[in-house]
Amino acid sequence: IIIINKKNDRQERVVVPSSQITWLAIGRESVMGVQLGCLWLPNSTICGHLLRCPTKPKPSHFHTTALSATASLSSPPPTIQIVGGRTLSWQGSENADSNANFDDCQVETNWVDLDSDLSYWTNSLRPVQWYPGHIAKTEKELKEQLKLMDVVIEVRDARIPMSTSHPQMDSWLGNRKRILVLNREDMISTDDRNSWAAYFARQGVKVVLSNGQLGTGAMKLGRLAKALAAGVNVKRRTKGLLPRPVRAGIVGYPNVGKSSLINRLLKRRLCPAAPRPGVTRELRWVHFGKDLELLDSPGIIPMRISDQSAAIKLAICDDIGERSYDVSDVAAILVQMLARLPSVGTKGLQNRYKIDVDAQCGKIFVQKLAIHLFSGDIHQAAFRILSDFRKGKFGWVALERPPR
């Protein structure tokens, strides 16, 4: 329970096991807000006492009070009344909808904490920056080609959709029709896929979930691109012009699967593709039947990445050149992230590597793994952890959740 005192702006954290709470009363006069678990209750929504047990008498003064925190477990747990809201029992006897909402809020709080910690972890690291010479040239050419596009297909990594979004993409595309492809959808859970699809649908963005290796979603993408640009030839006919193929440009960060997706659409290998960033180095037009032309482009990344948390995620997912980061540092942060994620946790790491996990220090874990498997070679141990994640050895793991 986090309490902020209005008089001196002090934040007080009261840690009390929920099974042992007998009574809690918080005065309105001296308290600006209260966070109970993951529920933040600002003072503007408080009437009288924010939290109180109805079976206890009202206190005669307005001070923050927490009594009988060590009460006997044999006594029946009290009911905590949130004024103006539902009654919450510490035994979890509220209805299923309340439980679901509370759990969702708790999950969201955990993700907020993880993002905050990730930002703190990256502060002491060497900044991750990667901008090969061919990208500057390609970026200029791509901007010119985008003016000729009927529809633009932006490909992102489904594990980190926000981090693989170019900050200037919206200004480049303007009012052109866009399709957003979340590639590697097989590496995240169904719940995560649905959450991201719903998030972008609320923004009015057409979304296709795909797996460039197996071709899942490729045909749907082709049909959607033709459908969105169908009006192009209608306008041409009204002007007395002959119809032409729909032009679609495929853009995105390095190694998010653009070329693999085109090869799956064409059902043959026309574009060079490999599981590392920087393979495609020039623009290339390819034809998909008589109705669709596709422009394959090299990965475009900002000249300077200001958000180092996003840069670390790019490194973890192999969406940025390996020369731009220290492998052991990135692997250590990945360990700390996986230890915090419910889908993996410390047990998942221990079961895979047979090593005790210190969730607070990934570097110690990397060092232990190096001694255990690689004769003390830290680089090899770090690369093994990153490789296992990139190959999906930890199961379905998303490193980002849709913002709220």
Protein backbone atom coordinates (compact mmCIF):
# COMPACT_ATOMS: atom_id res chain seq x y z
CA ILE A 1 0.00 0.00 0.00
CA ILE A 2 1.50 3.33 -1.08
CA ILE A 3 0.39 6.50 0.72
CA ILE A 4 1.27 10.07 -0.29
CA ASN A 5 1.00 12.65 2.47
CA LYS A 6 -0.44 15.95 1.25
CA LYS A 7 1.25 18.07 3.91
CA ASN A 8 4.85 17.12 3.24
CA ASP A 9 4.60 15.26 -0.11
CA ARG A 10 6.23 12.24 1.47
CA GLN A 11 5.52 8.86 -0.04
CA GLU A 12 5.10 6.13 2.54
CA ARG A 13 5.02 2.48 1.58
CA VAL A 14 3.21 0.15 3.98
CA VAL A 15 3.87 -3.52 3.30
CA VAL A 16 1.24 -5.73 4.89
CA PRO A 17 0.29 -9.28 3.82
CA SER A 18 -3.32 -9.17 2.64
CA SER A 19 -4.19 -12.23 4.70
CA GLN A 20 -3.13 -10.45 7.91
CA ILE A 21 -4.82 -7.07 7.47
CA THR A 22 -7.41 -6.49 10.17
CA TRP A 23 -8.14 -2.80 9.76
CA LEU A 24 -6.89 0.17 7.77
CA ALA A 25 -8.13 3.75 7.96
CA ILE A 26 -6.81 6.67 5.94
CA GLY A 27 -7.68 10.29 6.68
CA ARG A 28 -8.83 12.46 3.81
CA GLU A 29 -7.36 15.65 5.21
CA SER A 30 -3.73 14.55 5.24
CA VAL A 31 -3.62 12.15 2.30
CA MET A 32 -3.43 13.14 -1.36
CA GLY A 33 -3.85 9.65 -2.81
CA VAL A 34 -3.56 5.95 -2.11
CA GLN A 35 -2.42 3.02 -4.18
CA LEU A 36 -3.84 -0.29 -2.99
CA GLY A 37 -2.16 -3.09 -4.88
CA CYS A 38 -2.40 -1.81 -8.45
CA LEU A 39 -5.45 0.43 -7.92
CA TRP A 40 -4.56 4.11 -7.73
CA LEU A 41 -7.18 6.19 -5.92
CA PRO A 42 -6.63 9.98 -6.17
CA ASN A 43 -7.99 12.27 -3.50
CA SER A 44 -10.52 13.84 -5.88
CA THR A 45 -12.48 10.60 -5.86
CA ILE A 46 -12.43 10.19 -2.11
CA CYS A 47 -15.40 10.95 0.10
CA GLY A 48 -14.71 10.78 3.81
CA HIS A 49 -12.39 7.93 4.66
CA LEU A 50 -10.91 6.26 1.62
CA LEU A 51 -10.55 2.83 3.09
CA ARG A 52 -12.10 1.63 6.28
CA CYS A 53 -13.51 -1.46 7.85
CA PRO A 54 -17.24 -0.95 8.52
CA THR A 55 -17.04 -3.07 11.66
CA LYS A 56 -14.60 -0.67 13.34
CA PRO A 57 -15.40 2.73 14.81
CA LYS A 58 -14.49 5.84 12.89
CA PRO A 59 -11.22 7.36 14.13
CA SER A 60 -11.44 10.70 15.87
CA HIS A 61 -8.45 12.29 14.09
CA PHE A 62 -7.25 12.56 10.51
CA HIS A 63 -3.99 10.70 10.43
CA THR A 64 -2.77 7.74 8.43
CA THR A 65 -3.27 4.69 10.62
CA ALA A 66 -2.55 1.03 10.10
CA LEU A 67 -3.46 -1.21 13.04
CA SER A 68 -3.15 -4.86 13.93
CA ALA A 69 -1.02 -5.75 10.92
CA THR A 70 0.15 -8.84 12.73
CA ALA A 71 -3.26 -10.04 13.83
CA SER A 72 -3.87 -13.72 14.24
CA LEU A 73 -4.57 -15.56 11.02
CA SER A 74 -7.31 -17.48 12.74
CA SER A 75 -9.52 -14.39 12.97
CA PRO A 76 -11.83 -13.90 9.99
CA PRO A 77 -10.40 -11.50 7.42
CA PRO A 78 -12.29 -8.20 7.29
CA THR A 79 -13.95 -6.65 4.31
CA ILE A 80 -12.35 -3.47 3.01
CA GLN A 81 -14.83 -0.90 1.72
CA ILE A 82 -13.75 1.44 -1.06
CA VAL A 83 -16.12 4.38 -0.81
CA GLY A 84 -18.00 4.86 -4.06
CA GLY A 85 -16.93 1.49 -5.44
CA ARG A 86 -17.32 -2.26 -5.06
CA THR A 87 -16.74 -4.08 -1.80
CA LEU A 88 -13.54 -6.10 -1.98
CA SER A 89 -12.96 -9.10 0.24
CA TRP A 90 -9.44 -10.23 0.98
CA GLN A 91 -10.66 -13.78 0.42
CA GLY A 92 -11.42 -12.92 -3.19
CA SER A 93 -15.16 -13.36 -2.86
CA GLU A 94 -16.02 -10.55 -5.27
CA ASN A 95 -17.48 -11.47 -8.62
CA ALA A 96 -15.43 -12.81 -11.49
CA ASP A 97 -15.48 -9.54 -13.41
CA SER A 98 -13.85 -7.67 -10.51
CA ASN A 99 -11.15 -10.33 -10.25
CA ALA A 100 -10.47 -10.14 -13.96
CA ASN A 101 -10.21 -6.35 -13.89
CA PHE A 102 -7.90 -6.44 -10.88
CA ASP A 103 -5.67 -9.07 -12.53
CA ASP A 104 -5.50 -7.08 -15.74
CA CYS A 105 -4.52 -3.98 -13.79
CA GLN A 106 -1.87 -5.93 -11.88
CA VAL A 107 -0.40 -7.26 -15.14
CA GLU A 108 -0.35 -3.75 -16.56
CA THR A 109 1.41 -2.47 -13.42
CA ASN A 110 4.04 -5.21 -13.74
CA TRP A 111 4.73 -4.17 -17.33
CA VAL A 112 5.03 -0.51 -16.32
CA ASP A 113 7.52 -1.50 -13.62
CA LEU A 114 9.49 -3.61 -16.11
CA ASP A 115 9.68 -0.76 -18.61
CA SER A 116 10.87 1.57 -15.86
CA ASP A 117 13.53 -0.91 -14.75
CA LEU A 118 14.67 -1.46 -18.33
CA SER A 119 15.21 2.26 -18.74
CA TYR A 120 17.27 2.25 -15.53
CA TRP A 121 19.34 -0.77 -16.62
CA THR A 122 20.28 0.84 -19.93
CA ASN A 123 21.52 4.09 -18.35
CA SER A 124 24.93 2.66 -17.51
CA LEU A 125 25.48 0.91 -20.86
CA ARG A 126 27.23 2.16 -23.95
CA PRO A 127 24.55 3.66 -26.25
CA VAL A 128 23.35 1.32 -28.99
CA GLN A 129 23.66 3.08 -32.36
CA TRP A 130 23.76 1.50 -35.83
CA TYR A 131 23.50 3.35 -39.11
CA PRO A 132 25.34 1.63 -41.99
CA GLY A 133 26.28 3.78 -44.99
CA HIS A 134 23.79 2.14 -47.36
CA ILE A 135 20.81 3.17 -45.17
CA ALA A 136 21.33 6.91 -45.69
CA LYS A 137 21.34 6.45 -49.47
CA THR A 138 18.38 4.08 -49.41
CA GLU A 139 16.33 6.35 -47.15
CA LYS A 140 16.57 9.18 -49.67
CA GLU A 141 15.61 6.91 -52.58
CA LEU A 142 12.77 5.33 -50.60
CA LYS A 143 11.18 8.69 -49.84
CA GLU A 144 11.00 9.38 -53.58
CA GLN A 145 9.58 5.94 -54.37
CA LEU A 146 6.92 6.23 -51.68
CA LYS A 147 5.37 9.09 -53.64
CA LEU A 148 4.51 6.56 -56.37
CA MET A 149 2.96 4.01 -54.00
CA ASP A 150 -0.76 3.18 -53.98
CA VAL A 151 -0.44 1.37 -50.67
CA VAL A 152 2.42 1.00 -48.19
CA ILE A 153 3.00 -2.23 -46.25
CA GLU A 154 4.87 -1.59 -43.00
CA VAL A 155 6.38 -4.71 -41.41
CA ARG A 156 7.14 -4.84 -37.69
CA ASP A 157 8.41 -7.47 -35.29
CA ALA A 158 5.40 -8.87 -33.39
CA ARG A 159 7.51 -9.23 -30.24
CA ILE A 160 8.30 -5.49 -30.17
CA PRO A 161 5.79 -3.64 -32.40
CA MET A 162 6.43 -0.25 -30.80
CA SER A 163 10.23 -0.46 -30.90
CA THR A 164 10.19 -1.43 -34.61
CA SER A 165 8.12 1.62 -35.55
CA HIS A 166 10.16 4.30 -37.34
CA PRO A 167 9.46 7.69 -35.70
CA GLN A 168 9.27 9.43 -39.11
CA MET A 169 7.14 6.85 -40.91
CA ASP A 170 3.86 8.74 -40.48
CA SER A 171 5.29 11.92 -42.01
CA TRP A 172 6.73 9.94 -44.93
CA LEU A 173 3.47 8.18 -45.74
CA GLY A 174 1.12 11.12 -45.35
CA ASN A 175 -2.41 10.10 -46.34
CA ARG A 176 -1.39 6.98 -48.28
CA LYS A 177 -3.18 3.78 -47.47
CA ARG A 178 -1.25 1.59 -45.09
CA ILE A 179 -1.24 -2.05 -44.06
CA LEU A 180 0.57 -2.99 -40.88
CA VAL A 181 2.10 -6.47 -40.80
CA LEU A 182 3.12 -7.98 -37.46
CA ASN A 183 5.60 -10.63 -38.53
CA ARG A 184 6.82 -13.55 -36.40
CA GLU A 185 3.34 -13.90 -34.93
CA ASP A 186 4.23 -17.50 -34.06
CA MET A 187 6.63 -16.22 -31.38
CA ILE A 188 3.98 -14.54 -29.21
CA SER A 189 0.88 -15.93 -27.52
CA THR A 190 -2.65 -15.79 -28.87
CA ASP A 191 -3.59 -13.30 -26.15
CA ASP A 192 -0.77 -10.98 -27.20
CA ARG A 193 -1.73 -11.29 -30.87
CA ASN A 194 -5.33 -10.42 -30.08
CA SER A 195 -4.29 -7.51 -27.85
CA TRP A 196 -2.14 -5.94 -30.56
CA ALA A 197 -4.73 -6.52 -33.29
CA ALA A 198 -7.39 -4.84 -31.14
CA TYR A 199 -5.06 -1.95 -30.28
CA PHE A 200 -4.29 -1.11 -33.92
CA ALA A 201 -7.89 -1.73 -35.00
CA ARG A 202 -8.97 1.01 -32.57
CA GLN A 203 -6.59 3.33 -34.39
CA GLY A 204 -8.15 2.44 -37.75
CA VAL A 205 -5.08 0.57 -39.02
CA LYS A 206 -5.43 -2.56 -41.13
CA VAL A 207 -3.41 -5.33 -39.46
CA VAL A 208 -2.16 -8.66 -40.82
CA LEU A 209 -0.45 -11.18 -38.55
CA SER A 210 2.11 -13.21 -40.43
CA ASN A 211 4.85 -15.80 -40.23
CA GLY A 212 7.35 -15.13 -42.99
CA GLN A 213 9.03 -18.52 -42.55
CA LEU A 214 5.84 -20.55 -43.05
CA GLY A 215 3.95 -18.07 -45.21
CA THR A 216 1.04 -17.60 -42.79
CA GLY A 217 -0.82 -14.40 -43.64
CA ALA A 218 0.97 -13.85 -46.98
CA MET A 219 -2.03 -14.48 -49.22
CA LYS A 220 -4.29 -12.40 -46.99
CA LEU A 221 -1.79 -9.56 -47.30
CA GLY A 222 -1.84 -9.78 -51.10
CA ARG A 223 -5.63 -9.71 -51.26
CA LEU A 224 -5.83 -6.80 -48.82
CA ALA A 225 -3.27 -4.74 -50.77
CA LYS A 226 -5.24 -5.22 -54.01
CA ALA A 227 -8.53 -4.40 -52.29
CA LEU A 228 -7.24 -1.19 -50.72
CA ALA A 229 -5.84 0.06 -54.02
CA ALA A 230 -8.78 -1.07 -56.17
CA GLY A 231 -9.94 2.51 -56.59
CA VAL A 232 -6.74 3.44 -58.41
CA ASN A 233 -7.75 1.88 -61.72
CA VAL A 234 -11.34 3.10 -61.37
CA LYS A 235 -10.03 6.65 -61.41
CA ARG A 236 -7.72 5.84 -64.32
CA ARG A 237 -10.61 4.51 -66.40
CA THR A 238 -12.67 7.61 -65.76
CA LYS A 239 -9.76 9.63 -67.15
CA GLY A 240 -9.50 7.37 -70.21
CA LEU A 241 -6.28 5.74 -69.03
CA LEU A 242 -5.46 2.05 -69.18
CA PRO A 243 -5.39 0.12 -65.88
CA ARG A 244 -2.01 -0.68 -64.32
CA PRO A 245 -0.78 -3.00 -61.56
CA VAL A 246 -1.21 -1.83 -57.99
CA ARG A 247 2.07 -0.56 -56.53
CA ALA A 248 2.85 -1.57 -52.97
CA GLY A 249 6.00 -0.67 -51.09
CA ILE A 250 7.20 -2.87 -48.24
CA VAL A 251 9.09 -0.96 -45.57
CA GLY A 252 10.30 -1.56 -42.03
CA TYR A 253 13.27 -2.01 -39.73
CA PRO A 254 16.15 -4.37 -40.61
CA ASN A 255 15.54 -8.10 -40.23
CA VAL A 256 11.81 -7.88 -39.48
CA GLY A 257 11.07 -10.27 -42.37
CA LYS A 258 10.26 -8.02 -45.35
CA SER A 259 12.09 -10.07 -47.99
CA SER A 260 10.90 -13.40 -46.58
CA LEU A 261 7.33 -12.14 -46.77
CA ILE A 262 7.76 -11.17 -50.44
CA ASN A 263 9.27 -14.56 -51.25
CA ARG A 264 6.25 -16.23 -49.63
CA LEU A 265 3.88 -14.05 -51.62
CA LEU A 266 5.66 -14.92 -54.87
CA LYS A 267 6.09 -18.57 -53.86
CA ARG A 268 9.69 -18.44 -55.03
CA ARG A 269 12.95 -16.98 -53.76
CA LEU A 270 13.48 -13.74 -55.67
CA CYS A 271 14.65 -11.49 -52.85
CA PRO A 272 17.75 -12.30 -50.77
CA ALA A 273 16.77 -13.12 -47.20
CA ALA A 274 18.72 -14.25 -44.15
CA PRO A 275 18.16 -14.16 -40.37
CA ARG A 276 20.39 -11.15 -39.80
CA PRO A 277 20.01 -7.39 -40.38
CA GLY A 278 21.49 -5.65 -43.42
CA VAL A 279 21.10 -8.40 -46.06
CA THR A 280 18.93 -6.33 -48.43
CA ARG A 281 20.97 -3.30 -49.46
CA GLU A 282 19.07 -1.78 -52.39
CA LEU A 283 15.53 -1.16 -53.62
CA ARG A 284 14.08 -3.81 -55.90
CA TRP A 285 10.77 -4.11 -57.76
CA VAL A 286 9.16 -7.54 -58.15
CA HIS A 287 5.88 -8.53 -59.84
CA PHE A 288 3.14 -10.49 -58.11
CA GLY A 289 1.02 -11.67 -61.02
CA LYS A 290 -0.36 -9.00 -63.36
CA ASP A 291 -2.18 -7.01 -60.70
CA LEU A 292 0.44 -6.20 -58.07
CA GLU A 293 3.96 -4.79 -58.04
CA LEU A 294 5.99 -4.95 -54.84
CA LEU A 295 8.96 -2.82 -53.85
CA ASP A 296 11.40 -4.58 -51.54
CA SER A 297 13.53 -2.16 -49.54
CA PRO A 298 16.45 -2.40 -47.12
CA GLY A 299 15.68 -1.95 -43.44
CA ILE A 300 15.38 1.72 -42.47
CA ILE A 301 16.40 2.78 -38.99
CA PRO A 302 16.81 6.27 -37.44
CA MET A 303 20.26 7.82 -37.64
CA ARG A 304 20.22 8.15 -33.86
CA ILE A 305 18.10 6.04 -31.51
CA SER A 306 17.11 8.25 -28.61
CA ASP A 307 15.14 5.56 -26.75
CA GLN A 308 17.81 3.16 -25.51
CA SER A 309 15.22 0.80 -24.03
CA ALA A 310 13.90 0.32 -27.57
CA ALA A 311 17.48 -0.09 -28.84
CA ILE A 312 18.12 -2.91 -26.36
CA LYS A 313 14.94 -4.67 -27.49
CA LEU A 314 16.09 -4.35 -31.11
CA ALA A 315 19.38 -5.95 -30.12
CA ILE A 316 17.64 -8.76 -28.23
CA CYS A 317 15.42 -9.55 -31.23
CA ASP A 318 18.34 -9.27 -33.70
CA ASP A 319 16.75 -6.32 -35.51
CA ILE A 320 19.92 -4.24 -35.41
CA GLY A 321 23.55 -4.94 -36.33
CA GLU A 322 25.55 -6.94 -33.78
CA ARG A 323 28.48 -4.53 -33.97
CA SER A 324 26.38 -1.83 -32.35
CA TYR A 325 26.11 -3.46 -28.92
CA ASP A 326 27.91 -5.55 -26.34
CA VAL A 327 26.49 -9.06 -26.52
CA SER A 328 27.13 -9.82 -22.84
CA ASP A 329 25.35 -6.64 -21.68
CA VAL A 330 22.31 -7.34 -23.85
CA ALA A 331 22.14 -10.98 -22.73
CA ALA A 332 22.32 -9.92 -19.08
CA ILE A 333 19.38 -7.55 -19.52
CA LEU A 334 17.43 -10.25 -21.38
CA VAL A 335 17.93 -12.59 -18.41
CA GLN A 336 16.61 -9.94 -16.03
CA MET A 337 13.58 -9.35 -18.27
CA LEU A 338 12.79 -13.04 -18.71
CA ALA A 339 13.04 -13.59 -14.96
CA ARG A 340 10.33 -10.95 -14.48
CA LEU A 341 7.96 -12.24 -17.17
CA PRO A 342 5.35 -14.76 -15.98
CA SER A 343 5.64 -16.76 -19.22
CA VAL A 344 9.27 -17.63 -18.38
CA GLY A 345 10.32 -16.58 -14.88
CA THR A 346 13.29 -17.79 -12.90
CA LYS A 347 11.98 -21.37 -13.08
CA GLY A 348 12.05 -21.31 -16.87
CA LEU A 349 15.66 -20.15 -16.88
CA GLN A 350 16.67 -22.70 -14.25
CA ASN A 351 14.97 -25.56 -16.08
CA ARG A 352 16.71 -24.72 -19.34
CA TYR A 353 20.24 -24.06 -18.13
CA LYS A 354 20.28 -25.93 -14.78
CA ILE A 355 21.69 -22.85 -13.04
CA ASP A 356 20.36 -20.89 -10.09
CA VAL A 357 19.02 -17.52 -11.20
CA ASP A 358 19.64 -14.19 -9.54
CA ALA A 359 16.86 -12.09 -11.10
CA GLN A 360 18.55 -8.91 -9.90
CA CYS A 361 21.82 -9.46 -11.76
CA GLY A 362 21.84 -10.99 -15.22
CA LYS A 363 25.62 -10.61 -15.51
CA ILE A 364 26.13 -13.12 -12.70
CA PHE A 365 23.89 -15.58 -14.52
CA VAL A 366 25.84 -15.12 -17.78
CA GLN A 367 29.10 -15.70 -15.90
CA LYS A 368 27.72 -18.86 -14.29
CA LEU A 369 26.58 -20.17 -17.66
CA ALA A 370 29.97 -19.39 -19.17
CA ILE A 371 31.70 -21.46 -16.49
CA HIS A 372 29.09 -24.22 -16.69
CA LEU A 373 29.02 -24.74 -20.46
CA PHE A 374 31.69 -22.70 -22.23
CA SER A 375 34.89 -22.93 -20.15
CA GLY A 376 34.46 -19.37 -18.95
CA ASP A 377 33.82 -17.81 -22.37
CA ILE A 378 31.30 -15.06 -21.51
CA HIS A 379 30.74 -14.06 -25.15
CA GLN A 380 29.71 -17.60 -26.08
CA ALA A 381 27.41 -17.87 -23.09
CA ALA A 382 25.77 -14.54 -23.88
CA PHE A 383 25.30 -15.45 -27.52
CA ARG A 384 23.75 -18.76 -26.49
CA ILE A 385 21.10 -16.99 -24.38
CA LEU A 386 20.27 -14.53 -27.17
CA SER A 387 20.19 -17.30 -29.76
CA ASP A 388 17.83 -19.39 -27.62
CA PHE A 389 15.45 -16.46 -27.31
CA ARG A 390 15.56 -15.67 -31.02
CA LYS A 391 14.80 -19.30 -31.87
CA GLY A 392 11.83 -19.37 -29.51
CA LYS A 393 13.37 -21.79 -27.00
CA PHE A 394 11.63 -19.98 -24.14
CA GLY A 395 8.21 -20.38 -25.72
CA TRP A 396 5.88 -17.50 -26.56
CA VAL A 397 7.48 -14.31 -25.24
CA ALA A 398 6.40 -10.77 -26.09
CA LEU A 399 8.67 -7.98 -24.85
CA GLU A 400 6.03 -5.28 -25.25
CA ARG A 401 2.36 -4.80 -24.48
CA PRO A 402 -0.05 -2.37 -26.17
CA PRO A 403 -0.02 1.05 -24.48
CA ARG A 404 -3.13 2.15 -22.55
